[in-house]
Amino acid sequence: VASVLQGAVVRRMNPLKIVQLGVLSCAGAFIILAKVDNERGLYIAATLLAVTSSTVVTGLNSLSSFEASSNERGEKLGNHRSFGQVGRAIGPILFCTLYWWAGRDMAYFTGAAGMFGVCAIVLGSLKNPVGLKLKHTSEKANGGVAAK
């Protein structure tokens, strides 16, 4: 699911919409995982997490790239990826600690609550960067083909 979405759909859509789809999908997966009691529910949650996996990182990388000017793009993307690595290191430790301390329900409901906070930020605060608007304006001027 993730490879098909990333290869066929994600690269053609607006990066902000992609990130929004991904965080909503993740929140839904966490809610399902908190109470799943059958194999079907597990597959639904896994599919939603595959959607998250294929959308969020790609969309955020695109948004970061469009936000930076060409002479600062490497620094901004490097910082973005560094923060991502910190999250990948700390997140599992915190989540596993909560899982073993408080149980599955509490861990996944806490994760879902955190994702709803992220959803509020992504849906309410994130805007399309100026660089993305300039790219679309340039494509329209060139008959739908991106300028190189």
N, C-alpha and C. Protein backbone atom coordinates (compact mmCIF):
# COMPACT_ATOMS: atom_id res chain seq x y z
N VAL A 1 0.83 -1.18 0.00
CA VAL A 1 0.00 0.00 0.00
C VAL A 1 0.88 1.25 0.00
N ALA A 2 1.89 1.27 0.88
CA ALA A 2 2.74 2.45 0.98
C ALA A 2 3.51 2.71 -0.31
N SER A 3 4.06 1.67 -0.90
CA SER A 3 4.85 1.87 -2.12
C SER A 3 3.98 2.31 -3.29
N VAL A 4 2.78 1.77 -3.40
CA VAL A 4 1.88 2.17 -4.48
C VAL A 4 1.46 3.63 -4.30
N LEU A 5 1.08 3.99 -3.08
CA LEU A 5 0.69 5.38 -2.82
C LEU A 5 1.84 6.34 -3.07
N GLN A 6 3.01 6.00 -2.56
CA GLN A 6 4.14 6.91 -2.70
C GLN A 6 4.57 7.04 -4.16
N GLY A 7 4.55 5.96 -4.88
CA GLY A 7 4.99 6.01 -6.27
C GLY A 7 3.98 6.57 -7.24
N ALA A 8 2.69 6.36 -6.98
CA ALA A 8 1.68 6.74 -7.96
C ALA A 8 0.86 7.97 -7.57
N VAL A 9 0.68 8.21 -6.29
CA VAL A 9 -0.26 9.26 -5.87
C VAL A 9 0.44 10.44 -5.20
N VAL A 10 1.27 10.15 -4.22
CA VAL A 10 1.83 11.18 -3.35
C VAL A 10 2.63 12.23 -4.12
N ARG A 11 3.42 11.83 -5.05
CA ARG A 11 4.29 12.77 -5.77
C ARG A 11 3.51 13.71 -6.69
N ARG A 12 2.25 13.38 -6.96
CA ARG A 12 1.44 14.20 -7.86
C ARG A 12 0.49 15.15 -7.13
N MET A 13 0.40 15.00 -5.82
CA MET A 13 -0.56 15.81 -5.05
C MET A 13 0.13 16.97 -4.33
N ASN A 14 -0.67 17.89 -3.88
CA ASN A 14 -0.18 19.02 -3.10
C ASN A 14 0.43 18.48 -1.80
N PRO A 15 1.67 18.87 -1.47
CA PRO A 15 2.32 18.33 -0.27
C PRO A 15 1.57 18.63 1.03
N LEU A 16 0.92 19.77 1.11
CA LEU A 16 0.17 20.09 2.33
C LEU A 16 -1.00 19.13 2.49
N LYS A 17 -1.71 18.84 1.42
CA LYS A 17 -2.83 17.89 1.47
C LYS A 17 -2.33 16.49 1.83
N ILE A 18 -1.16 16.15 1.34
CA ILE A 18 -0.56 14.84 1.63
C ILE A 18 -0.27 14.71 3.12
N VAL A 19 0.32 15.75 3.71
CA VAL A 19 0.63 15.72 5.14
C VAL A 19 -0.66 15.64 5.95
N GLN A 20 -1.66 16.41 5.57
CA GLN A 20 -2.94 16.37 6.27
C GLN A 20 -3.57 14.98 6.23
N LEU A 21 -3.55 14.35 5.06
CA LEU A 21 -4.06 12.99 4.92
C LEU A 21 -3.30 12.03 5.82
N GLY A 22 -1.99 12.17 5.85
CA GLY A 22 -1.15 11.26 6.64
C GLY A 22 -1.38 11.35 8.13
N VAL A 23 -1.48 12.57 8.67
CA VAL A 23 -1.67 12.69 10.12
C VAL A 23 -3.07 12.24 10.54
N LEU A 24 -4.06 12.50 9.71
CA LEU A 24 -5.41 12.01 10.01
C LEU A 24 -5.44 10.48 9.98
N SER A 25 -4.75 9.91 9.03
CA SER A 25 -4.67 8.45 8.92
C SER A 25 -3.98 7.85 10.14
N CYS A 26 -2.94 8.49 10.62
CA CYS A 26 -2.22 8.00 11.79
C CYS A 26 -3.10 8.06 13.04
N ALA A 27 -3.82 9.16 13.22
CA ALA A 27 -4.71 9.27 14.38
C ALA A 27 -5.77 8.17 14.34
N GLY A 28 -6.33 7.92 13.17
CA GLY A 28 -7.31 6.85 13.03
C GLY A 28 -6.73 5.48 13.34
N ALA A 29 -5.51 5.23 12.88
CA ALA A 29 -4.87 3.94 13.15
C ALA A 29 -4.65 3.74 14.64
N PHE A 30 -4.24 4.80 15.34
CA PHE A 30 -4.01 4.67 16.78
C PHE A 30 -5.30 4.37 17.53
N ILE A 31 -6.39 4.99 17.13
CA ILE A 31 -7.68 4.72 17.78
C ILE A 31 -8.08 3.27 17.57
N ILE A 32 -7.92 2.79 16.35
CA ILE A 32 -8.26 1.39 16.06
C ILE A 32 -7.37 0.44 16.85
N LEU A 33 -6.05 0.74 16.91
CA LEU A 33 -5.13 -0.14 17.62
C LEU A 33 -5.39 -0.19 19.13
N ALA A 34 -5.98 0.87 19.67
CA ALA A 34 -6.27 0.88 21.10
C ALA A 34 -7.31 -0.17 21.47
N LYS A 35 -8.21 -0.48 20.57
CA LYS A 35 -9.30 -1.39 20.89
C LYS A 35 -9.44 -2.58 19.94
N VAL A 36 -8.51 -2.78 19.05
CA VAL A 36 -8.63 -3.86 18.07
C VAL A 36 -8.70 -5.22 18.79
N ASP A 37 -9.61 -6.05 18.30
CA ASP A 37 -9.72 -7.38 18.88
C ASP A 37 -9.89 -8.46 17.82
N ASN A 38 -9.64 -8.09 16.57
CA ASN A 38 -9.72 -9.11 15.52
C ASN A 38 -8.71 -8.78 14.41
N GLU A 39 -8.52 -9.75 13.56
CA GLU A 39 -7.53 -9.63 12.50
C GLU A 39 -7.89 -8.54 11.49
N ARG A 40 -9.17 -8.42 11.19
CA ARG A 40 -9.63 -7.40 10.23
C ARG A 40 -9.26 -5.99 10.70
N GLY A 41 -9.51 -5.71 11.98
CA GLY A 41 -9.17 -4.41 12.53
C GLY A 41 -7.68 -4.14 12.48
N LEU A 42 -6.89 -5.18 12.71
CA LEU A 42 -5.44 -5.04 12.63
C LEU A 42 -5.00 -4.69 11.22
N TYR A 43 -5.61 -5.32 10.21
CA TYR A 43 -5.27 -5.00 8.82
C TYR A 43 -5.70 -3.59 8.44
N ILE A 44 -6.84 -3.15 8.95
CA ILE A 44 -7.28 -1.78 8.67
C ILE A 44 -6.29 -0.78 9.28
N ALA A 45 -5.89 -1.03 10.54
CA ALA A 45 -4.92 -0.14 11.19
C ALA A 45 -3.59 -0.16 10.45
N ALA A 46 -3.16 -1.34 10.02
CA ALA A 46 -1.89 -1.44 9.28
C ALA A 46 -1.97 -0.68 7.96
N THR A 47 -3.11 -0.73 7.30
CA THR A 47 -3.28 0.01 6.05
C THR A 47 -3.23 1.51 6.30
N LEU A 48 -3.88 1.96 7.37
CA LEU A 48 -3.83 3.39 7.71
C LEU A 48 -2.40 3.83 8.06
N LEU A 49 -1.65 2.97 8.74
CA LEU A 49 -0.26 3.30 9.04
C LEU A 49 0.60 3.29 7.78
N ALA A 50 0.27 2.45 6.81
CA ALA A 50 0.98 2.47 5.53
C ALA A 50 0.71 3.78 4.80
N VAL A 51 -0.53 4.26 4.88
CA VAL A 51 -0.86 5.57 4.29
C VAL A 51 -0.02 6.65 4.97
N THR A 52 0.06 6.59 6.29
CA THR A 52 0.87 7.55 7.04
C THR A 52 2.32 7.49 6.60
N SER A 53 2.84 6.29 6.53
CA SER A 53 4.24 6.09 6.15
C SER A 53 4.55 6.66 4.78
N SER A 54 3.64 6.53 3.86
CA SER A 54 3.91 6.97 2.49
C SER A 54 3.65 8.45 2.28
N THR A 55 3.00 9.11 3.21
CA THR A 55 2.61 10.50 2.98
C THR A 55 3.35 11.52 3.80
N VAL A 56 3.47 11.30 5.09
CA VAL A 56 3.94 12.37 5.98
C VAL A 56 5.37 12.79 5.70
N VAL A 57 6.30 11.87 5.66
CA VAL A 57 7.71 12.24 5.47
C VAL A 57 7.91 12.88 4.10
N THR A 58 7.33 12.28 3.07
CA THR A 58 7.46 12.84 1.72
C THR A 58 6.85 14.23 1.64
N GLY A 59 5.67 14.41 2.20
CA GLY A 59 5.01 15.71 2.18
C GLY A 59 5.76 16.76 2.97
N LEU A 60 6.25 16.40 4.16
CA LEU A 60 7.01 17.36 4.96
C LEU A 60 8.33 17.73 4.31
N ASN A 61 8.99 16.77 3.68
CA ASN A 61 10.22 17.09 2.94
C ASN A 61 9.94 18.08 1.82
N SER A 62 8.84 17.87 1.10
CA SER A 62 8.47 18.80 0.03
C SER A 62 8.17 20.18 0.58
N LEU A 63 7.38 20.24 1.65
CA LEU A 63 7.05 21.54 2.24
C LEU A 63 8.31 22.26 2.72
N SER A 64 9.24 21.53 3.35
CA SER A 64 10.50 22.14 3.80
C SER A 64 11.31 22.65 2.63
N SER A 65 11.34 21.89 1.57
CA SER A 65 12.09 22.28 0.38
C SER A 65 11.53 23.54 -0.25
N PHE A 66 10.20 23.62 -0.35
CA PHE A 66 9.57 24.80 -0.93
C PHE A 66 9.68 26.03 -0.03
N GLU A 67 9.77 25.81 1.26
CA GLU A 67 9.86 26.91 2.22
C GLU A 67 11.21 27.60 2.16
N ALA A 68 12.25 26.86 1.82
CA ALA A 68 13.61 27.40 1.81
C ALA A 68 13.97 27.98 0.44
N SER A 69 14.78 29.03 0.47
CA SER A 69 15.31 29.54 -0.80
C SER A 69 16.40 28.58 -1.28
N SER A 70 16.80 28.70 -2.52
CA SER A 70 17.75 27.73 -3.10
C SER A 70 19.10 27.73 -2.39
N ASN A 71 19.53 28.86 -1.84
CA ASN A 71 20.85 28.89 -1.19
C ASN A 71 20.81 28.39 0.26
N GLU A 72 19.63 28.20 0.84
CA GLU A 72 19.54 27.69 2.20
C GLU A 72 18.82 26.34 2.29
N ARG A 73 18.51 25.75 1.15
CA ARG A 73 17.73 24.52 1.12
C ARG A 73 18.43 23.36 1.84
N GLY A 74 19.72 23.20 1.64
CA GLY A 74 20.46 22.11 2.29
C GLY A 74 20.42 22.20 3.79
N GLU A 75 20.62 23.41 4.31
CA GLU A 75 20.59 23.61 5.75
C GLU A 75 19.20 23.33 6.32
N LYS A 76 18.16 23.85 5.68
CA LYS A 76 16.79 23.65 6.18
C LYS A 76 16.39 22.17 6.12
N LEU A 77 16.70 21.50 5.01
CA LEU A 77 16.36 20.08 4.92
C LEU A 77 17.17 19.25 5.90
N GLY A 78 18.43 19.62 6.11
CA GLY A 78 19.25 18.92 7.10
C GLY A 78 18.69 19.06 8.50
N ASN A 79 18.27 20.27 8.86
CA ASN A 79 17.65 20.48 10.17
C ASN A 79 16.36 19.69 10.29
N HIS A 80 15.56 19.71 9.24
CA HIS A 80 14.28 18.97 9.24
C HIS A 80 14.53 17.48 9.46
N ARG A 81 15.50 16.94 8.77
CA ARG A 81 15.79 15.50 8.89
C ARG A 81 16.41 15.18 10.25
N SER A 82 17.19 16.09 10.80
CA SER A 82 17.78 15.87 12.13
C SER A 82 16.68 15.78 13.19
N PHE A 83 15.71 16.69 13.15
CA PHE A 83 14.61 16.63 14.10
C PHE A 83 13.80 15.34 13.91
N GLY A 84 13.65 14.90 12.69
CA GLY A 84 12.96 13.64 12.42
C GLY A 84 13.68 12.46 13.06
N GLN A 85 15.00 12.46 13.00
CA GLN A 85 15.78 11.38 13.59
C GLN A 85 15.67 11.38 15.11
N VAL A 86 15.63 12.57 15.70
CA VAL A 86 15.45 12.66 17.15
C VAL A 86 14.09 12.05 17.53
N GLY A 87 13.06 12.38 16.77
CA GLY A 87 11.74 11.81 17.02
C GLY A 87 11.72 10.31 16.86
N ARG A 88 12.43 9.80 15.85
CA ARG A 88 12.48 8.35 15.64
C ARG A 88 13.25 7.64 16.75
N ALA A 89 14.14 8.35 17.41
CA ALA A 89 14.91 7.75 18.50
C ALA A 89 14.13 7.79 19.81
N ILE A 90 13.54 8.94 20.11
CA ILE A 90 12.86 9.13 21.40
C ILE A 90 11.45 8.52 21.40
N GLY A 91 10.73 8.65 20.30
CA GLY A 91 9.34 8.19 20.23
C GLY A 91 9.13 6.75 20.65
N PRO A 92 9.85 5.80 20.08
CA PRO A 92 9.65 4.39 20.48
C PRO A 92 9.97 4.12 21.94
N ILE A 93 10.97 4.80 22.48
CA ILE A 93 11.32 4.59 23.89
C ILE A 93 10.17 5.06 24.78
N LEU A 94 9.67 6.27 24.50
CA LEU A 94 8.55 6.80 25.29
C LEU A 94 7.30 5.95 25.13
N PHE A 95 6.98 5.58 23.89
CA PHE A 95 5.77 4.81 23.65
C PHE A 95 5.84 3.44 24.30
N CYS A 96 6.97 2.75 24.14
CA CYS A 96 7.10 1.41 24.74
C CYS A 96 7.04 1.48 26.26
N THR A 97 7.63 2.52 26.83
CA THR A 97 7.56 2.68 28.28
C THR A 97 6.10 2.85 28.72
N LEU A 98 5.37 3.70 28.03
CA LEU A 98 3.95 3.90 28.35
C LEU A 98 3.16 2.61 28.13
N TYR A 99 3.46 1.90 27.05
CA TYR A 99 2.76 0.65 26.74
C TYR A 99 2.91 -0.36 27.87
N TRP A 100 4.14 -0.55 28.34
CA TRP A 100 4.37 -1.55 29.38
C TRP A 100 3.93 -1.06 30.75
N TRP A 101 3.95 0.24 30.97
CA TRP A 101 3.56 0.79 32.26
C TRP A 101 2.04 0.90 32.41
N ALA A 102 1.37 1.41 31.36
CA ALA A 102 -0.06 1.70 31.47
C ALA A 102 -0.95 0.78 30.64
N GLY A 103 -0.38 0.02 29.73
CA GLY A 103 -1.17 -0.90 28.92
C GLY A 103 -1.44 -0.39 27.51
N ARG A 104 -1.92 -1.30 26.69
CA ARG A 104 -2.16 -1.02 25.28
C ARG A 104 -3.16 0.11 25.07
N ASP A 105 -4.30 0.04 25.72
CA ASP A 105 -5.34 1.05 25.52
C ASP A 105 -4.81 2.45 25.79
N MET A 106 -4.19 2.63 26.95
CA MET A 106 -3.69 3.94 27.33
C MET A 106 -2.60 4.43 26.38
N ALA A 107 -1.72 3.54 25.98
CA ALA A 107 -0.63 3.93 25.08
C ALA A 107 -1.17 4.42 23.74
N TYR A 108 -2.07 3.65 23.14
CA TYR A 108 -2.59 4.05 21.84
C TYR A 108 -3.56 5.23 21.92
N PHE A 109 -4.34 5.33 22.98
CA PHE A 109 -5.20 6.50 23.14
C PHE A 109 -4.36 7.76 23.37
N THR A 110 -3.27 7.64 24.11
CA THR A 110 -2.37 8.78 24.29
C THR A 110 -1.73 9.16 22.96
N GLY A 111 -1.32 8.16 22.19
CA GLY A 111 -0.78 8.43 20.86
C GLY A 111 -1.80 9.10 19.96
N ALA A 112 -3.05 8.63 20.02
CA ALA A 112 -4.11 9.23 19.21
C ALA A 112 -4.37 10.67 19.64
N ALA A 113 -4.36 10.92 20.95
CA ALA A 113 -4.57 12.28 21.45
C ALA A 113 -3.44 13.20 20.95
N GLY A 114 -2.21 12.70 21.01
CA GLY A 114 -1.09 13.47 20.49
C GLY A 114 -1.23 13.74 19.00
N MET A 115 -1.71 12.73 18.27
CA MET A 115 -1.89 12.91 16.83
C MET A 115 -3.02 13.89 16.53
N PHE A 116 -4.05 13.92 17.37
CA PHE A 116 -5.11 14.91 17.17
C PHE A 116 -4.57 16.32 17.40
N GLY A 117 -3.61 16.46 18.33
CA GLY A 117 -2.94 17.74 18.50
C GLY A 117 -2.14 18.11 17.26
N VAL A 118 -1.44 17.13 16.71
CA VAL A 118 -0.70 17.36 15.47
C VAL A 118 -1.67 17.69 14.33
N CYS A 119 -2.80 16.99 14.28
CA CYS A 119 -3.81 17.27 13.25
C CYS A 119 -4.30 18.71 13.36
N ALA A 120 -4.53 19.17 14.58
CA ALA A 120 -4.99 20.56 14.77
C ALA A 120 -3.96 21.54 14.22
N ILE A 121 -2.69 21.27 14.46
CA ILE A 121 -1.64 22.15 13.95
C ILE A 121 -1.58 22.07 12.43
N VAL A 122 -1.57 20.86 11.89
CA VAL A 122 -1.44 20.68 10.45
C VAL A 122 -2.66 21.23 9.70
N LEU A 123 -3.85 20.99 10.22
CA LEU A 123 -5.06 21.46 9.54
C LEU A 123 -5.31 22.94 9.77
N GLY A 124 -4.88 23.47 10.93
CA GLY A 124 -5.19 24.85 11.26
C GLY A 124 -4.09 25.85 10.98
N SER A 125 -2.84 25.43 11.10
CA SER A 125 -1.73 26.39 11.04
C SER A 125 -0.86 26.30 9.80
N LEU A 126 -0.65 25.09 9.30
CA LEU A 126 0.23 24.96 8.14
C LEU A 126 -0.42 25.55 6.89
N LYS A 127 0.35 26.28 6.16
CA LYS A 127 -0.11 26.87 4.90
C LYS A 127 0.83 26.44 3.79
N ASN A 128 0.35 26.52 2.56
CA ASN A 128 1.23 26.23 1.43
C ASN A 128 2.35 27.27 1.40
N PRO A 129 3.60 26.83 1.28
CA PRO A 129 4.71 27.78 1.25
C PRO A 129 4.72 28.61 -0.04
N VAL A 130 5.36 29.75 0.04
CA VAL A 130 5.44 30.65 -1.10
C VAL A 130 6.12 29.96 -2.28
N GLY A 131 7.15 29.17 -2.02
CA GLY A 131 7.86 28.46 -3.09
C GLY A 131 6.96 27.55 -3.89
N LEU A 132 5.98 26.94 -3.24
CA LEU A 132 5.04 26.06 -3.93
C LEU A 132 4.12 26.87 -4.83
N LYS A 133 3.68 28.03 -4.34
CA LYS A 133 2.82 28.89 -5.15
C LYS A 133 3.57 29.39 -6.37
N LEU A 134 4.85 29.72 -6.21
CA LEU A 134 5.65 30.17 -7.34
C LEU A 134 5.84 29.06 -8.36
N LYS A 135 6.02 27.81 -7.89
CA LYS A 135 6.19 26.68 -8.80
C LYS A 135 4.93 26.48 -9.63
N HIS A 136 3.76 26.51 -8.99
CA HIS A 136 2.51 26.31 -9.72
C HIS A 136 2.26 27.44 -10.71
N THR A 137 2.60 28.67 -10.35
CA THR A 137 2.45 29.80 -11.27
C THR A 137 3.36 29.61 -12.48
N SER A 138 4.59 29.14 -12.22
CA SER A 138 5.55 28.90 -13.30
C SER A 138 5.06 27.78 -14.22
N GLU A 139 4.48 26.72 -13.65
CA GLU A 139 3.97 25.61 -14.47
C GLU A 139 2.82 26.06 -15.35
N LYS A 140 1.92 26.88 -14.80
CA LYS A 140 0.79 27.37 -15.59
C LYS A 140 1.28 28.23 -16.75
N ALA A 141 2.31 29.02 -16.51
CA ALA A 141 2.86 29.88 -17.57
C ALA A 141 3.54 29.06 -18.66
N ASN A 142 4.04 27.87 -18.31
CA ASN A 142 4.72 27.00 -19.29
C ASN A 142 3.81 25.91 -19.81
N GLY A 143 2.52 26.06 -19.69
CA GLY A 143 1.58 25.07 -20.24
C GLY A 143 1.52 23.78 -19.44
N GLY A 144 1.73 23.86 -18.11
CA GLY A 144 1.62 22.67 -17.27
C GLY A 144 2.91 21.91 -17.10
N VAL A 145 4.03 22.42 -17.62
CA VAL A 145 5.32 21.75 -17.50
C VAL A 145 6.19 22.56 -16.56
N ALA A 146 6.80 21.90 -15.58
CA ALA A 146 7.66 22.59 -14.65
C ALA A 146 8.91 23.10 -15.35
N ALA A 147 9.29 24.33 -15.02
CA ALA A 147 10.51 24.92 -15.58
C ALA A 147 11.72 24.31 -14.89
N LYS A 148 12.78 24.08 -15.66
CA LYS A 148 14.00 23.49 -15.08
C LYS A 148 15.06 24.53 -14.92
